[in-house]
Amino acid sequence: MNLFKSISGAVLSVVLSTSALSAETELSTLYDAAKAAGETEVVIYTPYGNHQPLWDAFAAAYPAITPTVVVTTGAPLFARLEAERTTGAYAGDLLFSNLSTVTVLQRDGYLQPDEPSTVAGLPDRYREPGGHFQIPFLNLFTVVYNTRLVTEEDLPSTLDEVLADRWKGKITYGQVTGTGATDFNLAILDHNQALTQEQLERIHANAVPAESNAAALQYVAQGRALFDLWTPTQSAVPLIEDGAPLGIRLLEDSSGVWGPGLGLLEGAPHPNAARLLKAWLYTPEAQALFASETNSYGTLPGTPGPETLPDIGYYSFEDIPADRAAEILAAFRSKAGAIWGF
């Protein structure tokens, strides 16, 4: 048995070493190719404005390439990509956005397959089967409340409790639009039979929508609302650290744990630089930065989680399967659209 363990350990070490060597070779090769092709930037389309520490770390590791972030989502993003496809004047290299958006754009042919060697250890649940996108990190979406206006005794423990009539008009959330983060959280609950039609209707009736998740969080910080449903907690932590009267309440029956898709855009004008950045985001260095700098949970096994947020080991909801995501999300959009009117 000891001999078997020794041999198994040696084989595993060789496999891991070979994988690391393969990744290192790929990164080096892509960097050389980008420089040879004169690719001095990589353009990322994303709704996220909190990843500058990662872009800075990438630029420090590969100084010949500058990440250029274009913060865009929803209708403006779709219009931009359609215009690029129509004119052939491609500008974007990478799409880094919520899965509602990514799956629609994949369905419509805006992404090309790309599976870097650095995702070899990534669990299948975080990889689109065709290689069109992978998920580099996870966020926790749960209730955030105003600590000055809500006592510990009044904190809800379930979705039904926060949707109770006593809180009517005092709850907010990022608007349900058909492709937003709130939509995806609701779709996950619906997929797991953890959300009833009555609860959906009570969200619409008892909560006041904000134009975005960021706006909803500000409403609670300002006392204009007491609770924000399905808050991206990575956005709440910096406000809390700056003294905002916000607290995080984990509702295990209705919290969401998921992350954005990262894909290579068709027609990417800087393909080598784009593939390099995409591959680098799955290295141990970058994965650790998601936790320490953005309060997110890296998806590679063994990556440390953020110290400021709850452990998500309890989470047992089934992910929306990547190969059925477009179908499942479209079905939920029809259900939500009948209530929210889109």
C-alpha atoms as a PDB file:
ATOM      1  CA  MET A   1       0.000   0.000   0.000  1.00  0.00           C
ATOM      2  CA  ASN A   2       2.796   2.412   0.889  1.00  0.00           C
ATOM      3  CA  LEU A   3       4.544   1.557  -2.377  1.00  0.00           C
ATOM      4  CA  PHE A   4       1.289   2.143  -4.279  1.00  0.00           C
ATOM      5  CA  LYS A   5       0.831   5.510  -2.574  1.00  0.00           C
ATOM      6  CA  SER A   6       4.401   6.473  -3.394  1.00  0.00           C
ATOM      7  CA  ILE A   7       3.988   5.524  -7.050  1.00  0.00           C
ATOM      8  CA  SER A   8       0.603   7.301  -7.261  1.00  0.00           C
ATOM      9  CA  GLY A   9       2.065  10.410  -5.670  1.00  0.00           C
ATOM     10  CA  ALA A  10       4.978  10.380  -8.063  1.00  0.00           C
ATOM     11  CA  VAL A  11       2.672   9.991 -11.078  1.00  0.00           C
ATOM     12  CA  LEU A  12       0.464  12.844  -9.853  1.00  0.00           C
ATOM     13  CA  SER A  13       3.509  15.058  -9.360  1.00  0.00           C
ATOM     14  CA  VAL A  14       4.674  14.313 -12.893  1.00  0.00           C
ATOM     15  CA  VAL A  15       1.204  15.070 -14.296  1.00  0.00           C
ATOM     16  CA  LEU A  16       0.991  18.361 -12.412  1.00  0.00           C
ATOM     17  CA  SER A  17       4.520  19.333 -13.400  1.00  0.00           C
ATOM     18  CA  THR A  18       3.817  18.496 -17.046  1.00  0.00           C
ATOM     19  CA  SER A  19       0.595  20.518 -16.939  1.00  0.00           C
ATOM     20  CA  ALA A  20       2.393  23.504 -15.413  1.00  0.00           C
ATOM     21  CA  LEU A  21       5.151  23.238 -18.021  1.00  0.00           C
ATOM     22  CA  SER A  22       2.561  23.052 -20.805  1.00  0.00           C
ATOM     23  CA  ALA A  23       0.797  26.156 -19.482  1.00  0.00           C
ATOM     24  CA  GLU A  24       4.066  28.048 -19.129  1.00  0.00           C
ATOM     25  CA  THR A  25       5.025  27.132 -22.687  1.00  0.00           C
ATOM     26  CA  GLU A  26       1.648  28.219 -24.032  1.00  0.00           C
ATOM     27  CA  LEU A  27       1.803  31.576 -22.248  1.00  0.00           C
ATOM     28  CA  SER A  28       5.323  32.227 -23.518  1.00  0.00           C
ATOM     29  CA  THR A  29       4.410  31.212 -27.065  1.00  0.00           C
ATOM     30  CA  LEU A  30       1.328  33.439 -27.128  1.00  0.00           C
ATOM     31  CA  TYR A  31       3.290  36.400 -25.773  1.00  0.00           C
ATOM     32  CA  ASP A  32       5.959  35.992 -28.445  1.00  0.00           C
ATOM     33  CA  ALA A  33       3.273  35.682 -31.139  1.00  0.00           C
ATOM     34  CA  ALA A  34       1.469  38.804 -29.907  1.00  0.00           C
ATOM     35  CA  LYS A  35       4.685  40.829 -29.970  1.00  0.00           C
ATOM     36  CA  ALA A  36       5.604  39.529 -33.412  1.00  0.00           C
ATOM     37  CA  ALA A  37       2.159  40.520 -34.726  1.00  0.00           C
ATOM     38  CA  GLY A  38       2.368  43.998 -33.194  1.00  0.00           C
ATOM     39  CA  GLU A  39      -0.531  43.338 -30.815  1.00  0.00           C
ATOM     40  CA  THR A  40       0.066  45.964 -28.124  1.00  0.00           C
ATOM     41  CA  GLU A  41      -3.375  45.866 -26.508  1.00  0.00           C
ATOM     42  CA  VAL A  42      -6.232  43.516 -25.716  1.00  0.00           C
ATOM     43  CA  VAL A  43      -9.772  44.928 -25.597  1.00  0.00           C
ATOM     44  CA  ILE A  44     -12.207  43.508 -23.042  1.00  0.00           C
ATOM     45  CA  TYR A  45     -15.964  44.125 -23.152  1.00  0.00           C
ATOM     46  CA  THR A  46     -17.335  43.749 -19.632  1.00  0.00           C
ATOM     47  CA  PRO A  47     -19.843  45.248 -17.182  1.00  0.00           C
ATOM     48  CA  TYR A  48     -17.324  44.868 -14.358  1.00  0.00           C
ATOM     49  CA  GLY A  49     -15.267  47.820 -13.250  1.00  0.00           C
ATOM     50  CA  ASN A  50     -13.569  46.213 -10.254  1.00  0.00           C
ATOM     51  CA  HIS A  51     -10.916  44.064 -11.929  1.00  0.00           C
ATOM     52  CA  GLN A  52      -8.211  46.679 -12.452  1.00  0.00           C
ATOM     53  CA  PRO A  53      -5.816  44.874 -10.054  1.00  0.00           C
ATOM     54  CA  LEU A  54      -5.902  41.866 -12.378  1.00  0.00           C
ATOM     55  CA  TRP A  55      -5.361  43.947 -15.502  1.00  0.00           C
ATOM     56  CA  ASP A  56      -2.452  45.688 -13.764  1.00  0.00           C
ATOM     57  CA  ALA A  57      -0.915  42.356 -12.750  1.00  0.00           C
ATOM     58  CA  PHE A  58      -1.229  41.059 -16.310  1.00  0.00           C
ATOM     59  CA  ALA A  59       0.404  44.214 -17.693  1.00  0.00           C
ATOM     60  CA  ALA A  60       3.248  43.817 -15.204  1.00  0.00           C
ATOM     61  CA  ALA A  61       3.797  40.207 -16.292  1.00  0.00           C
ATOM     62  CA  TYR A  62       3.494  41.017 -20.009  1.00  0.00           C
ATOM     63  CA  PRO A  63       4.538  44.685 -20.359  1.00  0.00           C
ATOM     64  CA  ALA A  64       4.273  44.760 -24.149  1.00  0.00           C
ATOM     65  CA  ILE A  65       0.470  44.380 -23.938  1.00  0.00           C
ATOM     66  CA  THR A  66      -1.998  46.802 -22.349  1.00  0.00           C
ATOM     67  CA  PRO A  67      -5.493  45.618 -21.341  1.00  0.00           C
ATOM     68  CA  THR A  68      -8.120  48.114 -22.528  1.00  0.00           C
ATOM     69  CA  VAL A  69     -11.409  47.747 -20.663  1.00  0.00           C
ATOM     70  CA  VAL A  70     -14.664  48.904 -22.242  1.00  0.00           C
ATOM     71  CA  VAL A  71     -17.389  48.848 -19.590  1.00  0.00           C
ATOM     72  CA  THR A  72     -20.562  47.891 -21.427  1.00  0.00           C
ATOM     73  CA  THR A  73     -23.511  45.543 -21.067  1.00  0.00           C
ATOM     74  CA  GLY A  74     -27.100  45.034 -22.180  1.00  0.00           C
ATOM     75  CA  ALA A  75     -28.434  46.840 -25.250  1.00  0.00           C
ATOM     76  CA  PRO A  76     -25.300  48.978 -25.831  1.00  0.00           C
ATOM     77  CA  LEU A  77     -23.113  45.855 -25.876  1.00  0.00           C
ATOM     78  CA  PHE A  78     -25.410  44.016 -28.279  1.00  0.00           C
ATOM     79  CA  ALA A  79     -25.577  47.061 -30.568  1.00  0.00           C
ATOM     80  CA  ARG A  80     -21.785  47.433 -30.536  1.00  0.00           C
ATOM     81  CA  LEU A  81     -21.186  43.796 -31.450  1.00  0.00           C
ATOM     82  CA  GLU A  82     -23.824  43.843 -34.181  1.00  0.00           C
ATOM     83  CA  ALA A  83     -22.250  46.967 -35.691  1.00  0.00           C
ATOM     84  CA  GLU A  84     -18.785  45.367 -35.624  1.00  0.00           C
ATOM     85  CA  ARG A  85     -20.098  42.262 -37.362  1.00  0.00           C
ATOM     86  CA  THR A  86     -21.999  44.291 -39.978  1.00  0.00           C
ATOM     87  CA  THR A  87     -19.121  46.612 -40.845  1.00  0.00           C
ATOM     88  CA  GLY A  88     -16.262  44.176 -40.324  1.00  0.00           C
ATOM     89  CA  ALA A  89     -14.548  46.802 -38.167  1.00  0.00           C
ATOM     90  CA  TYR A  90     -13.892  44.534 -35.200  1.00  0.00           C
ATOM     91  CA  ALA A  91     -12.602  46.171 -32.019  1.00  0.00           C
ATOM     92  CA  GLY A  92     -13.375  43.820 -29.129  1.00  0.00           C
ATOM     93  CA  ASP A  93     -11.225  40.803 -28.277  1.00  0.00           C
ATOM     94  CA  LEU A  94     -12.763  39.266 -25.171  1.00  0.00           C
ATOM     95  CA  LEU A  95     -16.269  39.123 -23.740  1.00  0.00           C
ATOM     96  CA  PHE A  96     -16.302  38.933 -19.938  1.00  0.00           C
ATOM     97  CA  SER A  97     -19.929  39.138 -18.836  1.00  0.00           C
ATOM     98  CA  ASN A  98     -22.798  37.490 -16.965  1.00  0.00           C
ATOM     99  CA  LEU A  99     -23.953  34.133 -18.253  1.00  0.00           C
ATOM    100  CA  SER A 100     -27.330  35.440 -19.401  1.00  0.00           C
ATOM    101  CA  THR A 101     -25.498  37.684 -21.858  1.00  0.00           C
ATOM    102  CA  VAL A 102     -22.714  35.260 -22.768  1.00  0.00           C
ATOM    103  CA  THR A 103     -25.033  32.367 -23.611  1.00  0.00           C
ATOM    104  CA  VAL A 104     -27.191  34.545 -25.875  1.00  0.00           C
ATOM    105  CA  LEU A 105     -24.140  35.873 -27.718  1.00  0.00           C
ATOM    106  CA  GLN A 106     -22.684  32.378 -28.026  1.00  0.00           C
ATOM    107  CA  ARG A 107     -25.967  31.165 -29.516  1.00  0.00           C
ATOM    108  CA  ASP A 108     -25.842  34.023 -32.026  1.00  0.00           C
ATOM    109  CA  GLY A 109     -22.308  33.160 -33.143  1.00  0.00           C
ATOM    110  CA  TYR A 110     -20.312  35.950 -31.528  1.00  0.00           C
ATOM    111  CA  LEU A 111     -17.830  33.667 -29.727  1.00  0.00           C
ATOM    112  CA  GLN A 112     -15.166  31.356 -31.099  1.00  0.00           C
ATOM    113  CA  PRO A 113     -13.861  28.234 -29.324  1.00  0.00           C
ATOM    114  CA  ASP A 114     -10.724  28.644 -27.229  1.00  0.00           C
ATOM    115  CA  GLU A 115      -9.559  26.292 -24.471  1.00  0.00           C
ATOM    116  CA  PRO A 116      -6.161  27.248 -23.044  1.00  0.00           C
ATOM    117  CA  SER A 117      -4.066  24.588 -21.329  1.00  0.00           C
ATOM    118  CA  THR A 118      -4.470  26.484 -18.041  1.00  0.00           C
ATOM    119  CA  VAL A 119      -8.100  25.321 -17.802  1.00  0.00           C
ATOM    120  CA  ALA A 120      -7.061  21.655 -17.776  1.00  0.00           C
ATOM    121  CA  GLY A 121      -7.846  21.385 -14.054  1.00  0.00           C
ATOM    122  CA  LEU A 122     -11.078  23.381 -14.245  1.00  0.00           C
ATOM    123  CA  PRO A 123     -14.168  21.345 -13.272  1.00  0.00           C
ATOM    124  CA  ASP A 124     -16.508  20.606 -16.174  1.00  0.00           C
ATOM    125  CA  ARG A 125     -19.279  22.661 -14.578  1.00  0.00           C
ATOM    126  CA  TYR A 126     -17.239  25.801 -15.310  1.00  0.00           C
ATOM    127  CA  ARG A 127     -16.561  24.974 -18.978  1.00  0.00           C
ATOM    128  CA  GLU A 128     -18.898  25.323 -21.937  1.00  0.00           C
ATOM    129  CA  PRO A 129     -18.666  21.935 -23.702  1.00  0.00           C
ATOM    130  CA  GLY A 130     -17.792  23.461 -27.064  1.00  0.00           C
ATOM    131  CA  GLY A 131     -14.989  25.566 -25.586  1.00  0.00           C
ATOM    132  CA  HIS A 132     -16.716  28.878 -26.361  1.00  0.00           C
ATOM    133  CA  PHE A 133     -16.359  30.172 -22.810  1.00  0.00           C
ATOM    134  CA  GLN A 134     -15.190  29.216 -19.337  1.00  0.00           C
ATOM    135  CA  ILE A 135     -15.947  30.645 -15.887  1.00  0.00           C
ATOM    136  CA  PRO A 136     -12.863  32.023 -14.084  1.00  0.00           C
ATOM    137  CA  PHE A 137     -14.465  32.989 -10.776  1.00  0.00           C
ATOM    138  CA  LEU A 138     -17.675  32.858  -8.753  1.00  0.00           C
ATOM    139  CA  ASN A 139     -19.608  35.542  -6.927  1.00  0.00           C
ATOM    140  CA  LEU A 140     -21.997  35.183  -4.023  1.00  0.00           C
ATOM    141  CA  PHE A 141     -25.366  36.863  -4.567  1.00  0.00           C
ATOM    142  CA  THR A 142     -27.462  37.263  -1.440  1.00  0.00           C
ATOM    143  CA  VAL A 143     -29.271  39.859   0.687  1.00  0.00           C
ATOM    144  CA  VAL A 144     -27.541  43.052   1.782  1.00  0.00           C
ATOM    145  CA  TYR A 145     -29.266  45.222   4.384  1.00  0.00           C
ATOM    146  CA  ASN A 146     -28.901  48.622   6.050  1.00  0.00           C
ATOM    147  CA  THR A 147     -27.352  47.995   9.471  1.00  0.00           C
ATOM    148  CA  ARG A 148     -28.691  51.264  10.909  1.00  0.00           C
ATOM    149  CA  LEU A 149     -32.287  50.581   9.968  1.00  0.00           C
ATOM    150  CA  VAL A 150     -32.636  46.814  10.418  1.00  0.00           C
ATOM    151  CA  THR A 151     -32.020  45.158  13.787  1.00  0.00           C
ATOM    152  CA  GLU A 152     -30.433  41.740  14.190  1.00  0.00           C
ATOM    153  CA  GLU A 153     -33.767  40.428  15.473  1.00  0.00           C
ATOM    154  CA  ASP A 154     -35.527  41.490  12.269  1.00  0.00           C
ATOM    155  CA  LEU A 155     -33.065  39.945   9.839  1.00  0.00           C
ATOM    156  CA  PRO A 156     -34.745  37.459   7.487  1.00  0.00           C
ATOM    157  CA  SER A 157     -33.561  33.874   7.225  1.00  0.00           C
ATOM    158  CA  THR A 158     -35.526  32.845   4.131  1.00  0.00           C
ATOM    159  CA  LEU A 159     -36.745  34.362   0.894  1.00  0.00           C
ATOM    160  CA  ASP A 160     -40.344  34.266   2.133  1.00  0.00           C
ATOM    161  CA  GLU A 161     -39.372  36.270   5.214  1.00  0.00           C
ATOM    162  CA  VAL A 162     -37.718  39.070   3.238  1.00  0.00           C
ATOM    163  CA  LEU A 163     -40.670  39.158   0.825  1.00  0.00           C
ATOM    164  CA  ALA A 164     -43.204  39.461   3.659  1.00  0.00           C
ATOM    165  CA  ASP A 165     -45.741  42.278   3.418  1.00  0.00           C
ATOM    166  CA  ARG A 166     -44.124  44.028   6.403  1.00  0.00           C
ATOM    167  CA  TRP A 167     -41.225  44.933   4.116  1.00  0.00           C
ATOM    168  CA  LYS A 168     -43.326  45.898   1.084  1.00  0.00           C
ATOM    169  CA  GLY A 169     -41.842  48.923  -0.667  1.00  0.00           C
ATOM    170  CA  LYS A 170     -38.669  48.681   1.434  1.00  0.00           C
ATOM    171  CA  ILE A 171     -36.950  46.063  -0.718  1.00  0.00           C
ATOM    172  CA  THR A 172     -34.994  46.684  -3.907  1.00  0.00           C
ATOM    173  CA  TYR A 173     -33.147  44.643  -6.531  1.00  0.00           C
ATOM    174  CA  GLY A 174     -31.381  45.085  -9.851  1.00  0.00           C
ATOM    175  CA  GLN A 175     -34.108  45.316 -12.470  1.00  0.00           C
ATOM    176  CA  VAL A 176     -35.276  42.121 -14.163  1.00  0.00           C
ATOM    177  CA  THR A 177     -34.566  42.744 -17.846  1.00  0.00           C
ATOM    178  CA  GLY A 178     -34.260  39.305 -19.411  1.00  0.00           C
ATOM    179  CA  THR A 179     -30.448  39.264 -19.520  1.00  0.00           C
ATOM    180  CA  GLY A 180     -29.214  40.706 -16.215  1.00  0.00           C
ATOM    181  CA  ALA A 181     -27.615  39.278 -13.089  1.00  0.00           C
ATOM    182  CA  THR A 182     -30.913  39.226 -11.182  1.00  0.00           C
ATOM    183  CA  ASP A 183     -32.471  37.241 -14.020  1.00  0.00           C
ATOM    184  CA  PHE A 184     -29.724  34.642 -13.809  1.00  0.00           C
ATOM    185  CA  ASN A 185     -30.109  34.254 -10.044  1.00  0.00           C
ATOM    186  CA  LEU A 186     -33.841  33.768 -10.444  1.00  0.00           C
ATOM    187  CA  ALA A 187     -33.288  31.322 -13.299  1.00  0.00           C
ATOM    188  CA  ILE A 188     -30.972  29.192 -11.133  1.00  0.00           C
ATOM    189  CA  LEU A 189     -33.588  29.046  -8.378  1.00  0.00           C
ATOM    190  CA  ASP A 190     -36.282  28.218 -10.915  1.00  0.00           C
ATOM    191  CA  HIS A 191     -34.093  25.489 -12.440  1.00  0.00           C
ATOM    192  CA  ASN A 192     -33.707  23.942  -8.964  1.00  0.00           C
ATOM    193  CA  GLN A 193     -37.427  24.173  -8.148  1.00  0.00           C
ATOM    194  CA  ALA A 194     -36.508  26.613  -5.358  1.00  0.00           C
ATOM    195  CA  LEU A 195     -38.676  29.482  -6.629  1.00  0.00           C
ATOM    196  CA  THR A 196     -42.445  29.430  -6.943  1.00  0.00           C
ATOM    197  CA  GLN A 197     -44.691  31.459  -9.203  1.00  0.00           C
ATOM    198  CA  GLU A 198     -46.117  33.110  -6.091  1.00  0.00           C
ATOM    199  CA  GLN A 199     -42.639  34.187  -4.950  1.00  0.00           C
ATOM    200  CA  LEU A 200     -41.878  35.635  -8.375  1.00  0.00           C
ATOM    201  CA  GLU A 201     -45.082  37.642  -8.251  1.00  0.00           C
ATOM    202  CA  ARG A 202     -44.306  38.838  -4.711  1.00  0.00           C
ATOM    203  CA  ILE A 203     -40.873  40.067  -5.810  1.00  0.00           C
ATOM    204  CA  HIS A 204     -42.624  42.123  -8.467  1.00  0.00           C
ATOM    205  CA  ALA A 205     -45.334  43.342  -6.081  1.00  0.00           C
ATOM    206  CA  ASN A 206     -43.363  43.996  -2.884  1.00  0.00           C
ATOM    207  CA  ALA A 207     -39.939  45.128  -4.114  1.00  0.00           C
ATOM    208  CA  VAL A 208     -38.990  48.306  -5.960  1.00  0.00           C
ATOM    209  CA  PRO A 209     -36.582  47.731  -8.860  1.00  0.00           C
ATOM    210  CA  ALA A 210     -33.433  49.792  -9.347  1.00  0.00           C
ATOM    211  CA  GLU A 211     -31.984  50.403 -12.781  1.00  0.00           C
ATOM    212  CA  SER A 212     -28.929  48.262 -11.963  1.00  0.00           C
ATOM    213  CA  ASN A 213     -27.379  46.124  -9.231  1.00  0.00           C
ATOM    214  CA  ALA A 214     -25.020  48.978  -8.371  1.00  0.00           C
ATOM    215  CA  ALA A 215     -27.932  51.395  -7.995  1.00  0.00           C
ATOM    216  CA  ALA A 216     -29.838  48.941  -5.791  1.00  0.00           C
ATOM    217  CA  LEU A 217     -26.841  48.647  -3.475  1.00  0.00           C
ATOM    218  CA  GLN A 218     -26.610  52.429  -3.227  1.00  0.00           C
ATOM    219  CA  TYR A 219     -30.314  52.654  -2.358  1.00  0.00           C
ATOM    220  CA  VAL A 220     -29.688  50.458   0.686  1.00  0.00           C
ATOM    221  CA  ALA A 221     -26.514  52.309   1.685  1.00  0.00           C
ATOM    222  CA  GLN A 222     -28.457  55.585   1.536  1.00  0.00           C
ATOM    223  CA  GLY A 223     -31.405  54.207   3.512  1.00  0.00           C
ATOM    224  CA  ARG A 224     -33.837  54.512   0.602  1.00  0.00           C
ATOM    225  CA  ALA A 225     -34.388  50.755   0.904  1.00  0.00           C
ATOM    226  CA  LEU A 226     -33.760  48.315   3.742  1.00  0.00           C
ATOM    227  CA  PHE A 227     -32.851  45.222   1.733  1.00  0.00           C
ATOM    228  CA  ASP A 228     -31.261  44.510  -1.639  1.00  0.00           C
ATOM    229  CA  LEU A 229     -32.059  41.087  -3.076  1.00  0.00           C
ATOM    230  CA  TRP A 230     -29.331  39.094  -4.867  1.00  0.00           C
ATOM    231  CA  THR A 231     -26.638  41.674  -4.280  1.00  0.00           C
ATOM    232  CA  PRO A 232     -23.270  40.860  -5.853  1.00  0.00           C
ATOM    233  CA  THR A 233     -21.420  40.739  -2.535  1.00  0.00           C
ATOM    234  CA  GLN A 234     -18.046  41.512  -4.116  1.00  0.00           C
ATOM    235  CA  SER A 235     -19.459  44.995  -4.747  1.00  0.00           C
ATOM    236  CA  ALA A 236     -20.741  45.369  -1.188  1.00  0.00           C
ATOM    237  CA  VAL A 237     -17.448  44.582   0.569  1.00  0.00           C
ATOM    238  CA  PRO A 238     -15.544  47.722  -0.563  1.00  0.00           C
ATOM    239  CA  LEU A 239     -18.460  49.911   0.539  1.00  0.00           C
ATOM    240  CA  ILE A 240     -18.547  48.189   3.931  1.00  0.00           C
ATOM    241  CA  GLU A 241     -14.791  48.677   4.311  1.00  0.00           C
ATOM    242  CA  ASP A 242     -15.306  52.378   3.539  1.00  0.00           C
ATOM    243  CA  GLY A 243     -17.835  52.657   6.372  1.00  0.00           C
ATOM    244  CA  ALA A 244     -21.158  52.256   4.558  1.00  0.00           C
ATOM    245  CA  PRO A 245     -23.935  50.953   6.874  1.00  0.00           C
ATOM    246  CA  LEU A 246     -24.264  47.645   5.061  1.00  0.00           C
ATOM    247  CA  GLY A 247     -24.413  44.059   6.251  1.00  0.00           C
ATOM    248  CA  ILE A 248     -24.484  40.762   4.363  1.00  0.00           C
ATOM    249  CA  ARG A 249     -27.221  38.260   5.222  1.00  0.00           C
ATOM    250  CA  LEU A 250     -26.748  34.794   3.737  1.00  0.00           C
ATOM    251  CA  LEU A 251     -30.089  33.230   2.786  1.00  0.00           C
ATOM    252  CA  GLU A 252     -29.186  29.629   2.060  1.00  0.00           C
ATOM    253  CA  ASP A 253     -32.565  28.865   0.478  1.00  0.00           C
ATOM    254  CA  SER A 254     -32.217  31.515  -2.215  1.00  0.00           C
ATOM    255  CA  SER A 255     -28.637  32.779  -2.545  1.00  0.00           C
ATOM    256  CA  GLY A 256     -26.878  32.376  -5.862  1.00  0.00           C
ATOM    257  CA  VAL A 257     -23.265  31.335  -6.443  1.00  0.00           C
ATOM    258  CA  TRP A 258     -22.116  31.720 -10.014  1.00  0.00           C
ATOM    259  CA  GLY A 259     -19.681  33.598 -12.169  1.00  0.00           C
ATOM    260  CA  PRO A 260     -19.334  35.256 -15.550  1.00  0.00           C
ATOM    261  CA  GLY A 261     -18.354  33.653 -18.797  1.00  0.00           C
ATOM    262  CA  LEU A 262     -15.086  34.616 -20.465  1.00  0.00           C
ATOM    263  CA  GLY A 263     -14.949  34.050 -24.200  1.00  0.00           C
ATOM    264  CA  LEU A 264     -12.907  34.974 -27.266  1.00  0.00           C
ATOM    265  CA  LEU A 265     -14.910  37.140 -29.665  1.00  0.00           C
ATOM    266  CA  GLU A 266     -15.201  36.283 -33.345  1.00  0.00           C
ATOM    267  CA  GLY A 267     -13.038  38.612 -35.400  1.00  0.00           C
ATOM    268  CA  ALA A 268     -10.864  39.557 -32.415  1.00  0.00           C
ATOM    269  CA  PRO A 269      -8.271  41.988 -33.828  1.00  0.00           C
ATOM    270  CA  HIS A 270      -5.648  40.994 -31.241  1.00  0.00           C
ATOM    271  CA  PRO A 271      -6.117  37.200 -31.103  1.00  0.00           C
ATOM    272  CA  ASN A 272      -2.768  36.238 -29.574  1.00  0.00           C
ATOM    273  CA  ALA A 273      -2.948  38.903 -26.863  1.00  0.00           C
ATOM    274  CA  ALA A 274      -6.554  37.920 -26.159  1.00  0.00           C
ATOM    275  CA  ARG A 275      -5.719  34.227 -25.838  1.00  0.00           C
ATOM    276  CA  LEU A 276      -2.788  35.117 -23.598  1.00  0.00           C
ATOM    277  CA  LEU A 277      -4.894  37.168 -21.197  1.00  0.00           C
ATOM    278  CA  LYS A 278      -7.616  34.533 -21.187  1.00  0.00           C
ATOM    279  CA  ALA A 279      -5.109  31.775 -20.416  1.00  0.00           C
ATOM    280  CA  TRP A 280      -3.368  33.855 -17.743  1.00  0.00           C
ATOM    281  CA  LEU A 281      -6.616  34.367 -15.807  1.00  0.00           C
ATOM    282  CA  TYR A 282      -6.562  30.635 -14.969  1.00  0.00           C
ATOM    283  CA  THR A 283      -3.047  30.651 -13.515  1.00  0.00           C
ATOM    284  CA  PRO A 284      -2.648  30.306  -9.720  1.00  0.00           C
ATOM    285  CA  GLU A 285      -1.435  33.917  -9.532  1.00  0.00           C
ATOM    286  CA  ALA A 286      -4.528  35.351 -11.204  1.00  0.00           C
ATOM    287  CA  GLN A 287      -6.912  33.001  -9.414  1.00  0.00           C
ATOM    288  CA  ALA A 288      -5.581  34.149  -6.030  1.00  0.00           C
ATOM    289  CA  LEU A 289      -6.058  37.788  -7.071  1.00  0.00           C
ATOM    290  CA  PHE A 290      -9.776  37.221  -7.615  1.00  0.00           C
ATOM    291  CA  ALA A 291     -10.095  36.487  -3.896  1.00  0.00           C
ATOM    292  CA  SER A 292      -7.686  39.054  -2.494  1.00  0.00           C
ATOM    293  CA  GLU A 293      -8.506  41.952  -4.826  1.00  0.00           C
ATOM    294  CA  THR A 294     -12.121  41.463  -5.981  1.00  0.00           C
ATOM    295  CA  ASN A 295     -13.766  39.459  -3.158  1.00  0.00           C
ATOM    296  CA  SER A 296     -14.619  36.617  -5.519  1.00  0.00           C
ATOM    297  CA  TYR A 297     -14.056  32.868  -5.469  1.00  0.00           C
ATOM    298  CA  GLY A 298     -11.609  31.433  -8.034  1.00  0.00           C
ATOM    299  CA  THR A 299     -12.861  28.336  -9.839  1.00  0.00           C
ATOM    300  CA  LEU A 300      -9.631  26.317  -9.991  1.00  0.00           C
ATOM    301  CA  PRO A 301      -9.617  23.690  -7.215  1.00  0.00           C
ATOM    302  CA  GLY A 302      -7.508  24.719  -4.231  1.00  0.00           C
ATOM    303  CA  THR A 303      -7.807  28.454  -4.844  1.00  0.00           C
ATOM    304  CA  PRO A 304      -8.278  30.324  -1.529  1.00  0.00           C
ATOM    305  CA  GLY A 305     -11.586  32.130  -1.044  1.00  0.00           C
ATOM    306  CA  PRO A 306     -12.065  35.752   0.038  1.00  0.00           C
ATOM    307  CA  GLU A 307     -11.519  36.269   3.762  1.00  0.00           C
ATOM    308  CA  THR A 308     -14.286  38.884   3.951  1.00  0.00           C
ATOM    309  CA  LEU A 309     -17.177  36.708   2.748  1.00  0.00           C
ATOM    310  CA  PRO A 310     -19.036  33.587   3.926  1.00  0.00           C
ATOM    311  CA  ASP A 311     -17.835  30.137   2.982  1.00  0.00           C
ATOM    312  CA  ILE A 312     -19.878  28.748   0.079  1.00  0.00           C
ATOM    313  CA  GLY A 313     -19.280  25.093   0.857  1.00  0.00           C
ATOM    314  CA  TYR A 314     -22.964  24.741   1.786  1.00  0.00           C
ATOM    315  CA  TYR A 315     -24.084  25.575  -1.756  1.00  0.00           C
ATOM    316  CA  SER A 316     -25.785  22.636  -3.442  1.00  0.00           C
ATOM    317  CA  PHE A 317     -27.970  24.094  -6.186  1.00  0.00           C
ATOM    318  CA  GLU A 318     -27.325  22.516  -9.563  1.00  0.00           C
ATOM    319  CA  ASP A 319     -25.750  24.876 -12.071  1.00  0.00           C
ATOM    320  CA  ILE A 320     -27.616  25.609 -15.257  1.00  0.00           C
ATOM    321  CA  PRO A 321     -25.881  23.204 -17.685  1.00  0.00           C
ATOM    322  CA  ALA A 322     -23.780  25.157 -20.157  1.00  0.00           C
ATOM    323  CA  ASP A 323     -24.983  23.078 -23.109  1.00  0.00           C
ATOM    324  CA  ARG A 324     -28.628  23.846 -22.226  1.00  0.00           C
ATOM    325  CA  ALA A 325     -28.174  27.349 -20.852  1.00  0.00           C
ATOM    326  CA  ALA A 326     -29.649  29.194 -23.837  1.00  0.00           C
ATOM    327  CA  GLU A 327     -32.746  26.975 -23.794  1.00  0.00           C
ATOM    328  CA  ILE A 328     -33.261  27.179 -20.010  1.00  0.00           C
ATOM    329  CA  LEU A 329     -32.681  30.928 -19.828  1.00  0.00           C
ATOM    330  CA  ALA A 330     -35.019  31.554 -22.762  1.00  0.00           C
ATOM    331  CA  ALA A 331     -37.760  29.586 -20.992  1.00  0.00           C
ATOM    332  CA  PHE A 332     -37.245  31.586 -17.814  1.00  0.00           C
ATOM    333  CA  ARG A 333     -37.223  34.876 -19.749  1.00  0.00           C
ATOM    334  CA  SER A 334     -40.684  34.006 -21.031  1.00  0.00           C
ATOM    335  CA  LYS A 335     -41.889  33.330 -17.501  1.00  0.00           C
ATOM    336  CA  ALA A 336     -40.354  36.510 -16.078  1.00  0.00           C
ATOM    337  CA  GLY A 337     -41.407  38.598 -19.068  1.00  0.00           C
ATOM    338  CA  ALA A 338     -45.034  37.758 -18.418  1.00  0.00           C
ATOM    339  CA  ILE A 339     -44.679  39.359 -14.973  1.00  0.00           C
ATOM    340  CA  TRP A 340     -42.276  42.239 -15.655  1.00  0.00           C
ATOM    341  CA  GLY A 341     -43.608  43.073 -19.094  1.00  0.00           C
ATOM    342  CA  PHE A 342     -40.715  42.583 -21.498  1.00  0.00           C
END
